[in-house]
Protein backbone atom coordinates (compact mmCIF):
# COMPACT_ATOMS: atom_id res chain seq x y z
CA UNK A 1 -17.85 -3.79 -17.45
CA UNK A 2 -16.65 -1.69 -14.57
CA UNK A 3 -13.57 0.42 -15.27
CA UNK A 4 -13.03 1.57 -11.67
CA UNK A 5 -9.95 0.09 -10.02
CA UNK A 6 -8.33 0.88 -6.67
CA UNK A 7 -5.09 2.82 -7.11
CA UNK A 8 -3.26 0.29 -4.92
CA UNK A 9 -3.93 -3.19 -3.61
CA UNK A 10 -5.15 -3.31 0.01
CA UNK A 11 -2.54 -3.57 2.73
CA UNK A 12 -2.91 -5.85 5.75
CA UNK A 13 -1.87 -4.00 8.88
CA UNK A 14 -1.59 -5.02 12.54
CA UNK A 15 -3.94 -3.43 15.04
CA UNK A 16 -3.43 0.18 16.11
CA UNK A 17 -2.32 -1.07 19.52
CA UNK A 18 0.41 -3.24 17.99
CA UNK A 19 1.54 -0.42 15.72
CA UNK A 20 1.62 2.01 18.66
CA UNK A 21 3.88 -0.38 20.59
CA UNK A 22 6.20 -0.53 17.59
CA UNK A 23 6.20 3.26 17.41
CA UNK A 24 7.21 3.68 21.06
CA UNK A 25 10.20 1.35 20.72
CA UNK A 26 11.45 2.94 17.47
CA UNK A 27 14.91 4.13 18.54
CA UNK A 28 14.56 7.72 17.34
CA UNK A 29 11.19 8.37 18.97
CA UNK A 30 12.23 6.53 22.13
CA UNK A 31 15.31 8.78 22.42
CA UNK A 32 13.21 11.87 21.83
CA UNK A 33 10.88 10.83 24.67
CA UNK A 34 13.83 10.24 27.02
CA UNK A 35 15.29 13.63 26.24
CA UNK A 36 11.91 15.30 26.79
CA UNK A 37 11.78 13.74 30.26
CA UNK A 38 15.42 14.70 30.93
CA UNK A 39 15.08 18.32 29.85
CA UNK A 40 14.39 21.05 32.37
CA UNK A 41 14.78 24.75 33.15
CA UNK A 42 18.57 24.48 33.00
CA UNK A 43 18.59 22.99 29.48
CA UNK A 44 20.25 25.43 27.12
CA UNK A 45 19.17 25.83 23.52
CA UNK A 46 20.22 27.94 20.59
CA UNK A 47 18.30 30.42 18.49
CA UNK A 48 16.63 27.65 16.49
CA UNK A 49 15.65 25.65 19.55
CA UNK A 50 18.53 23.21 19.09
CA UNK A 51 20.64 22.05 22.00
CA UNK A 52 23.78 24.14 22.33
CA UNK A 53 27.00 22.24 21.71
CA UNK A 54 27.99 22.34 25.39
CA UNK A 55 24.71 20.61 26.27
CA UNK A 56 25.16 17.66 23.90
CA UNK A 57 27.46 15.53 26.11
CA UNK A 58 24.89 15.60 28.92
CA UNK A 59 22.11 14.73 26.47
CA UNK A 60 24.15 11.83 25.09
CA UNK A 61 24.75 10.65 28.66
CA UNK A 62 21.01 10.77 29.35
CA UNK A 63 20.55 8.48 26.36
CA UNK A 64 23.29 6.10 27.48
CA UNK A 65 25.38 6.98 24.43
CA UNK A 66 28.44 8.46 26.09
CA UNK A 67 30.71 5.70 24.77
CA UNK A 68 29.36 6.06 21.21
CA UNK A 69 31.44 8.38 19.03
CA UNK A 70 28.19 9.44 17.35
CA UNK A 71 26.38 9.88 20.65
CA UNK A 72 26.25 13.68 20.41
CA UNK A 73 24.87 13.50 16.87
CA UNK A 74 22.20 11.01 17.94
CA UNK A 75 21.27 13.26 20.85
CA UNK A 76 20.99 16.29 18.56
CA UNK A 77 18.81 14.35 16.14
CA UNK A 78 16.53 13.07 18.93
CA UNK A 79 16.22 16.58 20.41
CA UNK A 80 15.09 17.91 17.04
CA UNK A 81 12.35 15.27 16.96
CA UNK A 82 11.32 16.15 20.50
CA UNK A 83 10.96 19.81 19.53
CA UNK A 84 9.21 19.17 16.21
CA UNK A 85 6.64 16.83 17.78
CA UNK A 86 5.95 19.10 20.77
CA UNK A 87 7.37 16.65 23.29
CA UNK A 88 9.31 19.67 24.53
CA UNK A 89 8.36 23.31 24.16
CA UNK A 90 11.10 25.87 23.72
CA UNK A 91 10.36 29.52 24.34
CA UNK A 92 12.00 32.19 22.21
CA UNK A 93 15.61 32.33 23.43
CA UNK A 94 16.74 35.49 25.19
CA UNK A 95 20.27 36.77 25.80
CA UNK A 96 21.21 35.60 29.28
CA UNK A 97 23.23 37.56 31.83
CA UNK A 98 26.47 36.00 30.59
CA UNK A 99 25.89 37.21 27.06
CA UNK A 100 25.06 33.73 25.75
CA UNK A 101 21.79 32.52 24.32
CA UNK A 102 19.34 30.70 26.51
CA UNK A 103 15.70 29.70 26.37
CA UNK A 104 13.12 28.21 28.69
CA UNK A 105 12.40 24.55 28.05
CA UNK A 106 9.41 22.67 29.39
CA UNK A 107 7.57 19.43 28.69
CA UNK A 108 4.94 19.59 25.96
CA UNK A 109 1.45 18.15 26.08
CA UNK A 110 2.23 15.17 23.81
CA UNK A 111 4.68 13.82 26.42
CA UNK A 112 1.78 12.84 28.66
CA UNK A 113 0.22 10.91 25.77
CA UNK A 114 3.23 8.59 25.62
CA UNK A 115 2.16 6.97 28.88
CA UNK A 116 -1.57 7.63 28.90
CA UNK A 117 -2.71 8.26 25.34
CA UNK A 118 -4.70 6.04 23.05
CA UNK A 119 -2.92 4.09 20.27
CA UNK A 120 -4.15 6.66 17.75
CA UNK A 121 -2.46 9.43 19.78
CA UNK A 122 0.84 7.54 19.76
CA UNK A 123 0.61 6.94 16.03
CA UNK A 124 -0.14 10.61 15.36
CA UNK A 125 2.97 11.50 17.38
CA UNK A 126 5.03 8.98 15.42
CA UNK A 127 3.81 10.39 12.10
CA UNK A 128 5.06 13.82 13.16
CA UNK A 129 8.41 12.29 14.09
CA UNK A 130 8.49 10.57 10.71
CA UNK A 131 8.17 13.94 8.96
CA UNK A 132 11.27 15.16 10.80
CA UNK A 133 13.16 12.01 9.82
CA UNK A 134 12.13 12.43 6.19
CA UNK A 135 13.31 16.04 6.23
CA UNK A 136 16.66 14.87 7.60
CA UNK A 137 16.88 12.13 4.98
CA UNK A 138 16.39 14.59 2.12
CA UNK A 139 18.72 17.25 3.55
CA UNK A 140 21.79 18.06 1.45
CA UNK A 141 25.00 16.18 2.08
CA UNK A 142 27.86 18.53 2.89
CA UNK A 143 31.34 17.00 2.95
CA UNK A 144 33.16 20.26 3.59
CA UNK A 145 31.31 23.23 5.05
CA UNK A 146 33.95 25.58 3.66
CA UNK A 147 32.85 24.68 0.13
CA UNK A 148 29.44 26.32 0.61
CA UNK A 149 30.42 29.44 2.56
CA UNK A 150 30.33 32.49 0.35
CA UNK A 151 32.67 35.47 0.41
CA UNK A 152 30.30 37.31 2.75
CA UNK A 153 30.43 34.44 5.23
CA UNK A 154 26.85 33.30 4.56
CA UNK A 155 25.92 29.83 3.34
CA UNK A 156 25.73 29.61 -0.45
CA UNK A 157 22.89 27.14 -0.94
CA UNK A 158 23.21 27.33 -4.73
CA UNK A 159 26.63 25.71 -4.39
CA UNK A 160 24.93 22.60 -3.01
CA UNK A 161 23.22 21.79 -6.31
CA UNK A 162 20.28 20.72 -4.13
CA UNK A 163 16.60 20.91 -5.05
CA UNK A 164 14.61 20.16 -1.89
CA UNK A 165 11.34 19.59 -3.74
CA UNK A 166 12.95 17.17 -6.19
CA UNK A 167 14.66 15.29 -3.35
CA UNK A 168 11.41 14.96 -1.41
CA UNK A 169 9.42 13.86 -4.46
CA UNK A 170 12.04 11.29 -5.43
CA UNK A 171 12.08 9.76 -1.95
CA UNK A 172 8.27 9.75 -1.86
CA UNK A 173 8.30 7.93 -5.20
CA UNK A 174 10.80 5.38 -3.90
CA UNK A 175 8.72 4.73 -0.79
CA UNK A 176 5.59 4.48 -2.95
CA UNK A 177 7.24 1.88 -5.19
CA UNK A 178 8.48 -0.04 -2.16
CA UNK A 179 4.95 0.01 -0.75
CA UNK A 180 3.49 -1.28 -4.02
CA UNK A 181 6.13 -4.00 -4.32
CA UNK A 182 5.23 -5.08 -0.78
CA UNK A 183 1.43 -5.19 -1.04
CA UNK A 184 0.96 -6.26 -4.67
CA UNK A 185 -0.18 -9.80 -5.31
CA UNK A 186 2.95 -11.70 -6.25
CA UNK A 187 5.10 -8.86 -4.90
CA UNK A 188 7.83 -9.02 -2.29
CA UNK A 189 5.48 -9.28 0.69
CA UNK A 190 7.64 -9.59 3.79
CA UNK A 191 10.81 -10.14 1.76
CA UNK A 192 13.36 -7.31 1.42
CA UNK A 193 13.81 -5.58 -1.93
CA UNK A 194 17.31 -5.15 -3.44
CA UNK A 195 18.34 -1.51 -3.48
CA UNK A 196 19.39 -1.65 -7.19
CA UNK A 197 15.91 -2.86 -8.17
CA UNK A 198 14.28 -0.11 -6.15
CA UNK A 199 16.47 2.59 -7.68
CA UNK A 200 15.90 1.17 -11.16
CA UNK A 201 12.12 1.25 -10.63
CA UNK A 202 12.39 5.04 -10.46
CA UNK A 203 14.84 5.63 -13.30
CA UNK A 204 14.58 2.90 -15.95
CA UNK A 205 11.70 3.60 -18.37
CA UNK A 206 9.15 0.79 -18.66
CA UNK A 207 9.64 0.55 -22.41
CA UNK A 208 13.45 0.38 -22.22
CA UNK A 209 14.88 -3.02 -22.98
CA UNK A 210 18.55 -2.89 -22.02
CA UNK A 211 19.37 0.14 -19.82
CA UNK A 212 21.91 2.54 -21.30
CA UNK A 213 25.21 3.32 -19.59
CA UNK A 214 23.85 6.74 -18.65
CA UNK A 215 20.78 5.21 -16.98
CA UNK A 216 22.93 2.65 -15.16
CA UNK A 217 25.14 5.44 -13.84
CA UNK A 218 22.05 7.28 -12.60
CA UNK A 219 20.86 4.10 -10.89
CA UNK A 220 24.22 3.72 -9.16
CA UNK A 221 24.15 7.33 -7.96
CA UNK A 222 20.56 6.92 -6.74
CA UNK A 223 21.56 3.75 -4.87
CA UNK A 224 24.27 5.62 -2.96
CA UNK A 225 21.85 8.43 -2.09
CA UNK A 226 19.19 5.94 -1.00
CA UNK A 227 21.77 4.11 1.10
CA UNK A 228 22.30 7.31 3.09
CA UNK A 229 18.58 7.99 3.32
CA UNK A 230 17.56 4.53 4.51
CA UNK A 231 20.26 4.68 7.18
CA UNK A 232 18.53 7.83 8.44
CA UNK A 233 15.03 6.35 8.20
CA UNK A 234 15.70 3.03 9.92
CA UNK A 235 15.86 4.48 13.47
CA UNK A 236 12.33 5.90 13.19
CA UNK A 237 11.07 2.38 12.48
CA UNK A 238 10.04 2.98 8.87
CA UNK A 239 12.28 0.33 7.31
CA UNK A 240 14.54 -2.58 8.05
CA UNK A 241 17.71 -1.93 6.12
CA UNK A 242 20.84 -3.86 5.25
CA UNK A 243 23.27 -1.17 4.05
CA UNK A 244 25.46 -1.30 0.98
CA UNK A 245 28.66 -3.24 1.66
CA UNK A 246 31.33 -0.61 2.33
CA UNK A 247 33.81 -2.69 0.33
CA UNK A 248 31.82 -1.72 -2.75
CA UNK A 249 32.10 2.00 -2.09
CA UNK A 250 34.36 3.76 -4.59
CA UNK A 251 36.80 6.55 -3.90
CA UNK A 252 36.23 9.99 -5.37
CA UNK A 253 37.35 10.09 -8.97
CA UNK A 254 36.81 6.37 -9.56
CA UNK A 255 34.06 5.01 -11.75
CA UNK A 256 30.97 3.98 -9.73
CA UNK A 257 29.65 0.44 -10.25
CA UNK A 258 27.31 0.62 -13.21
CA UNK A 259 25.65 -2.75 -12.67
CA UNK A 260 25.46 -5.52 -10.13
CA UNK A 261 25.09 -8.18 -12.79
CA UNK A 262 28.59 -9.55 -12.20
CA UNK A 263 28.01 -10.01 -8.48
CA UNK A 264 25.83 -12.95 -7.53
CA UNK A 265 25.23 -11.66 -4.00
CA UNK A 266 22.88 -8.76 -4.72
CA UNK A 267 22.35 -8.25 -0.98
CA UNK A 268 25.81 -6.60 -0.84
CA UNK A 269 24.25 -3.69 -2.70
CA UNK A 270 21.66 -3.08 0.02
CA UNK A 271 18.33 -4.67 0.95
CA UNK A 272 15.33 -2.79 2.30
CA UNK A 273 11.80 -3.60 3.46
CA UNK A 274 9.03 -1.56 4.99
CA UNK A 275 8.16 -2.58 8.52
CA UNK A 276 4.46 -2.93 9.44
CA UNK A 277 4.82 0.52 11.01
CA UNK A 278 6.44 1.70 7.78
CA UNK A 279 3.51 0.41 5.73
CA UNK A 280 1.20 2.30 8.06
CA UNK A 281 3.28 5.47 7.70
CA UNK A 282 3.60 5.40 3.91
CA UNK A 283 -0.11 4.65 3.56
CA UNK A 284 -0.99 7.56 5.87
CA UNK A 285 1.06 9.90 3.68
CA UNK A 286 -0.60 8.54 0.54
CA UNK A 287 -4.06 9.08 2.00
CA UNK A 288 -3.13 12.63 2.99
CA UNK A 289 -2.03 13.21 -0.61
CA UNK A 290 -5.45 12.08 -1.84
CA UNK A 291 -4.45 8.65 -3.12
CA UNK A 292 -6.65 5.57 -2.87
CA UNK A 293 -4.72 3.25 -0.56
CA UNK A 294 -7.14 0.74 0.98
CA UNK A 295 -6.41 -1.47 3.97
CA UNK A 296 -8.00 -4.78 4.91
CA UNK A 297 -10.64 -4.00 7.52
CA UNK A 298 -11.67 -0.64 6.05
CA UNK A 299 -15.04 -2.09 5.00
CA UNK A 300 -15.88 -4.03 8.18
CA UNK A 301 -18.29 -1.36 9.45
CA UNK A 302 -19.86 -0.57 6.09
CA UNK A 303 -22.85 -2.10 4.36
CA UNK A 304 -22.84 -5.18 2.16
CA UNK A 305 -23.03 -3.02 -0.97
CA UNK A 306 -19.79 -1.26 0.01
CA UNK A 307 -18.17 -4.62 0.80
CA UNK A 308 -19.03 -6.25 -2.53
CA UNK A 309 -18.03 -3.18 -4.53
CA UNK A 310 -14.91 -2.65 -2.44
CA UNK A 311 -13.46 -6.16 -2.79
CA UNK A 312 -14.33 -6.34 -6.48
CA UNK A 313 -10.72 -6.02 -7.60
CA UNK A 314 -8.87 -7.07 -4.45
CA UNK A 315 -6.43 -9.97 -4.70
CA UNK A 316 -8.14 -13.19 -3.64
CA UNK A 317 -6.46 -13.46 -0.23
CA UNK A 318 -7.23 -9.83 0.62
CA UNK A 319 -10.86 -10.13 -0.49
CA UNK A 320 -11.26 -13.20 1.67
CA UNK A 321 -9.69 -11.49 4.70
CA UNK A 322 -11.87 -8.39 4.22
CA UNK A 323 -14.99 -10.52 3.96
CA UNK A 324 -14.05 -12.50 7.08
CA UNK A 325 -13.64 -9.19 8.96
CA UNK A 326 -17.05 -8.01 7.73
CA UNK A 327 -18.82 -11.25 8.68
CA UNK A 328 -17.17 -11.37 12.10
CA UNK A 329 -19.22 -8.32 13.16
CA UNK A 330 -22.59 -9.71 12.09
CA UNK A 331 -24.98 -12.58 12.71
CA UNK A 332 -24.87 -15.14 9.93
CA UNK A 333 -28.45 -15.15 8.59
CA UNK A 334 -29.03 -11.35 8.53
CA UNK A 335 -25.59 -10.95 6.93
CA UNK A 336 -26.48 -13.45 4.20
CA UNK A 337 -29.73 -11.61 3.44
CA UNK A 338 -27.90 -8.28 3.29
CA UNK A 339 -25.32 -9.72 0.89
CA UNK A 340 -28.00 -11.08 -1.44
CA UNK A 341 -29.83 -7.76 -1.56
CA UNK A 342 -26.57 -5.96 -2.35
CA UNK A 343 -25.79 -8.45 -5.14
CA UNK A 344 -28.82 -7.46 -7.20
CA UNK A 345 -28.67 -4.95 -10.01
CA UNK A 346 -28.14 -4.46 -13.74
CA UNK A 347 -25.27 -1.98 -13.54
CA UNK A 348 -21.82 -2.73 -14.95
CA UNK A 349 -20.43 -3.89 -11.62
CA UNK A 350 -23.29 -6.21 -10.69
CA UNK A 351 -21.90 -9.49 -12.16
CA UNK A 352 -18.73 -9.17 -10.08
CA UNK A 353 -20.81 -8.29 -7.00
CA UNK A 354 -22.78 -11.50 -7.45
CA UNK A 355 -19.56 -13.51 -7.80
CA UNK A 356 -18.20 -12.07 -4.56
CA UNK A 357 -21.58 -12.52 -2.90
CA UNK A 358 -21.43 -16.22 -3.71
CA UNK A 359 -17.91 -16.42 -2.32
CA UNK A 360 -18.94 -14.54 0.82
CA UNK A 361 -21.88 -16.89 1.35
CA UNK A 362 -19.49 -19.83 1.20
CA UNK A 363 -17.74 -18.33 4.24
CA UNK A 364 -21.06 -18.07 6.06
CA UNK A 365 -21.75 -21.75 5.44
CA UNK A 366 -24.95 -23.66 6.11
CA UNK A 367 -26.36 -20.87 8.29
CA UNK A 368 -27.02 -18.93 5.09
CA UNK A 369 -29.23 -21.62 3.53
CA UNK A 370 -32.62 -20.11 4.57
CA UNK A 371 -31.66 -16.76 3.03
CA UNK A 372 -30.42 -18.40 -0.16
CA UNK A 373 -33.62 -20.44 -0.59
CA UNK A 374 -35.63 -17.23 -0.32
CA UNK A 375 -34.18 -16.01 -3.66
CA UNK A 376 -34.57 -19.20 -5.71
CA UNK A 377 -37.22 -17.54 -7.88
CA UNK A 378 -35.35 -14.25 -8.28
CA UNK A 379 -34.30 -13.86 -11.94
CA UNK A 380 -30.93 -12.33 -10.98
CA UNK A 381 -30.10 -14.48 -7.94
CA UNK A 382 -31.91 -17.75 -8.63
CA UNK A 383 -29.06 -19.26 -10.62
CA UNK A 384 -26.48 -18.21 -8.03
CA UNK A 385 -28.68 -19.68 -5.30
CA UNK A 386 -28.93 -23.06 -7.04
CA UNK A 387 -25.16 -23.24 -7.61
CA UNK A 388 -24.47 -22.35 -3.99
CA UNK A 389 -26.96 -24.89 -2.64
CA UNK A 390 -25.54 -27.60 -4.88
CA UNK A 391 -22.01 -26.86 -3.67
CA UNK A 392 -23.30 -27.01 -0.09
CA UNK A 393 -24.74 -30.46 -0.78
CA UNK A 394 -28.26 -29.33 0.06
CA UNK A 395 -31.24 -31.51 -0.77
CA UNK A 396 -34.26 -30.57 -2.88
CA UNK A 397 -32.52 -28.04 -5.10
CA UNK A 398 -34.98 -27.27 -7.94
CA UNK A 399 -33.75 -27.49 -11.51
CA UNK A 400 -33.33 -24.05 -13.12
CA UNK A 401 -35.45 -22.91 -16.07
CA UNK A 402 -33.50 -22.80 -19.34
CA UNK A 403 -33.66 -18.99 -19.47
CA UNK A 404 -32.02 -18.83 -16.02
CA UNK A 405 -29.21 -21.15 -17.17
CA UNK A 406 -28.31 -18.87 -20.07
CA UNK A 407 -28.64 -15.71 -17.96
CA UNK A 408 -26.33 -17.21 -15.31
CA UNK A 409 -23.83 -18.22 -18.01
CA UNK A 410 -23.65 -14.65 -19.33
CA UNK A 411 -23.46 -13.24 -15.80
CA UNK A 412 -20.67 -15.60 -14.76
CA UNK A 413 -18.49 -14.84 -17.78
CA UNK A 414 -19.16 -11.10 -17.36
CA UNK A 415 -17.93 -11.32 -13.76
CA UNK A 416 -14.78 -13.17 -14.80
CA UNK A 417 -14.06 -10.62 -17.52
CA UNK A 418 -14.56 -7.74 -15.11
CA UNK A 419 -12.24 -9.36 -12.57
CA UNK A 420 -9.54 -8.98 -15.21
CA UNK A 421 -7.20 -11.71 -13.93
CA UNK A 422 -4.80 -12.47 -16.78
CA UNK A 423 -3.66 -15.60 -15.00
CA UNK A 424 -7.18 -17.02 -15.25
CA UNK A 425 -7.39 -16.61 -19.05
CA UNK A 426 -7.02 -20.34 -19.66
CA UNK A 427 -9.60 -21.14 -17.00
CA UNK A 428 -12.03 -18.71 -18.63
CA UNK A 429 -11.37 -20.22 -22.06
CA UNK A 430 -12.21 -23.67 -20.68
CA UNK A 431 -15.44 -22.29 -19.22
CA UNK A 432 -16.41 -20.79 -22.57
CA UNK A 433 -15.60 -23.94 -24.53
CA UNK A 434 -17.39 -26.09 -21.95
CA UNK A 435 -20.57 -24.07 -22.27
CA UNK A 436 -20.62 -24.24 -26.06
CA UNK A 437 -19.90 -27.95 -26.08
CA UNK A 438 -22.77 -28.69 -23.69
CA UNK A 439 -25.26 -26.62 -25.70
CA UNK A 440 -24.97 -27.11 -29.46
CA UNK A 441 -27.31 -24.17 -30.09
CA UNK A 442 -25.82 -21.99 -27.35
CA UNK A 443 -25.48 -18.81 -29.42
CA UNK A 444 -28.99 -19.10 -30.88
CA UNK A 445 -30.31 -18.58 -27.36
CA UNK A 446 -27.51 -16.54 -25.83
CA UNK A 447 -27.90 -13.42 -27.99
CA UNK A 448 -31.50 -13.11 -26.77
CA UNK A 449 -30.51 -13.08 -23.08
CA UNK A 450 -31.74 -9.91 -21.39
CA UNK A 451 -28.50 -9.06 -19.64
CA UNK A 452 -26.67 -5.72 -20.07
CA UNK A 453 -23.34 -7.50 -20.65
CA UNK A 454 -24.59 -9.94 -23.31
CA UNK A 455 -22.91 -8.25 -26.34
CA UNK A 456 -19.55 -7.85 -24.55
CA UNK A 457 -19.63 -11.43 -23.28
CA UNK A 458 -20.38 -12.89 -26.72
CA UNK A 459 -17.58 -10.82 -28.27
CA UNK A 460 -15.20 -12.12 -25.61
CA UNK A 461 -16.31 -15.69 -26.30
CA UNK A 462 -15.43 -15.12 -29.94
CA UNK A 463 -11.93 -14.03 -28.94
CA UNK A 464 -11.40 -16.86 -26.48
CA UNK A 465 -12.76 -19.89 -28.32
CA UNK A 466 -10.07 -21.82 -30.19
CA UNK A 467 -12.50 -23.30 -32.74
CA UNK A 468 -12.68 -20.73 -35.56
CA UNK A 469 -16.18 -21.83 -36.60
CA UNK A 470 -17.56 -21.46 -33.07
CA UNK A 471 -15.71 -18.17 -32.62
CA UNK A 472 -17.38 -16.84 -35.77
CA UNK A 473 -20.81 -17.90 -34.42
CA UNK A 474 -20.04 -15.99 -31.21
CA UNK A 475 -19.20 -12.81 -33.13
CA UNK A 476 -22.40 -13.09 -35.17
CA UNK A 477 -24.38 -13.55 -31.97
CA UNK A 478 -22.69 -10.50 -30.45
CA UNK A 479 -23.75 -8.43 -33.49
CA UNK A 480 -27.35 -9.63 -33.08
CA UNK A 481 -27.25 -8.82 -29.36
CA UNK A 482 -26.03 -5.30 -30.06
CA UNK A 483 -28.71 -4.78 -32.70
CA UNK A 484 -31.35 -6.05 -30.27
CA UNK A 485 -30.06 -3.76 -27.55
CA UNK A 486 -30.18 -0.83 -29.99
CA UNK A 487 -33.76 -1.62 -30.98
């Protein structure tokens, strides 16, 4: 049986063009673009390239935020994105004739891409803006600047009790868990995830039954930190976020809420979901980190062997969508022939390839019939071909030789075992018991089947069958099959 599994289930993303449109209307990037177009030779910046304080009211006005009490802060944040992404280029500031600091500001090359670039260019720009937003989200919270100014007048970063690497890794872990909860079969999908559940996913050990008071306090503290961070990340378009109800916030010195169990409306404690653009962004960061994070459509341009191996452990809906995308780029009959060739083999993954080949051929439909009839005499594909033709309702389907029936039985169970779907355990048990009831001497023939998975399949049949006598026969047959394989 194959032991290879994708790290994550495949994600279904909109087209690059749709994602690029979402990126351009994300408030933070849109503001950065507006400021880049507003900036000019007279724009004054500080030593770090930031807008000087006297310049912020004009920047806020350019963004239409004059009436907003946070307009200057939004303008400063957007300017930082514009600088970090290269939308504006700031030369090294020089002391001006008035003794103040000034620096030349001009439009950067990426600004032209906003109007004339390809979707991939826009998305690359957005990913750079996302990095700035993530840096802001993990920056230390300072309530009183005086608390971190040392005796020499310099900032005392140790007083912050802030570990930037830990903060970044924790937020990456949270986003990774949110991604997994979104794309996993039976996960949240498009539904928002409660903030307490997301925080708990990072802090409550899997083997812990009832969380301790200490763990619950850590979860509460993490929730409050995540509330701040998701407020920062929403304007870049990464998430849709319903913040924690301010009525639940506690004053300094009071005990934080240790659990939300007493409150039926869990949404008051914050709800978050990744947007389609957010899924794209988190996946891009995972891929850059070397993780296996597949997306539906990745295999559309690859061969049939890559398709059948790739969808081997996809959830059913994702495997179907990937196969549809693959077939949409090919003519039906050549595609069917390519699938059948790829389904052959005696390696550990071949039974599951044949199962997915049969499912792919069902999407091709009657156009695949000539290709399927061509393999009726193939020892590995003949049984599959007969089953497929019978399901199609085709005429003149030849009866299979007995040896092919047993080989197909072993191959089918091997594929189901490799698929590893716990929810299908009862269905697999019914298949096993059906086979043994139809053939009273099933195990006398089955242990002789020349299939690499025969011993493992017979052992599994012994575990699955509810009749103890039949289960014992299966285990004996498995022993014989192993001895035969050894000889």
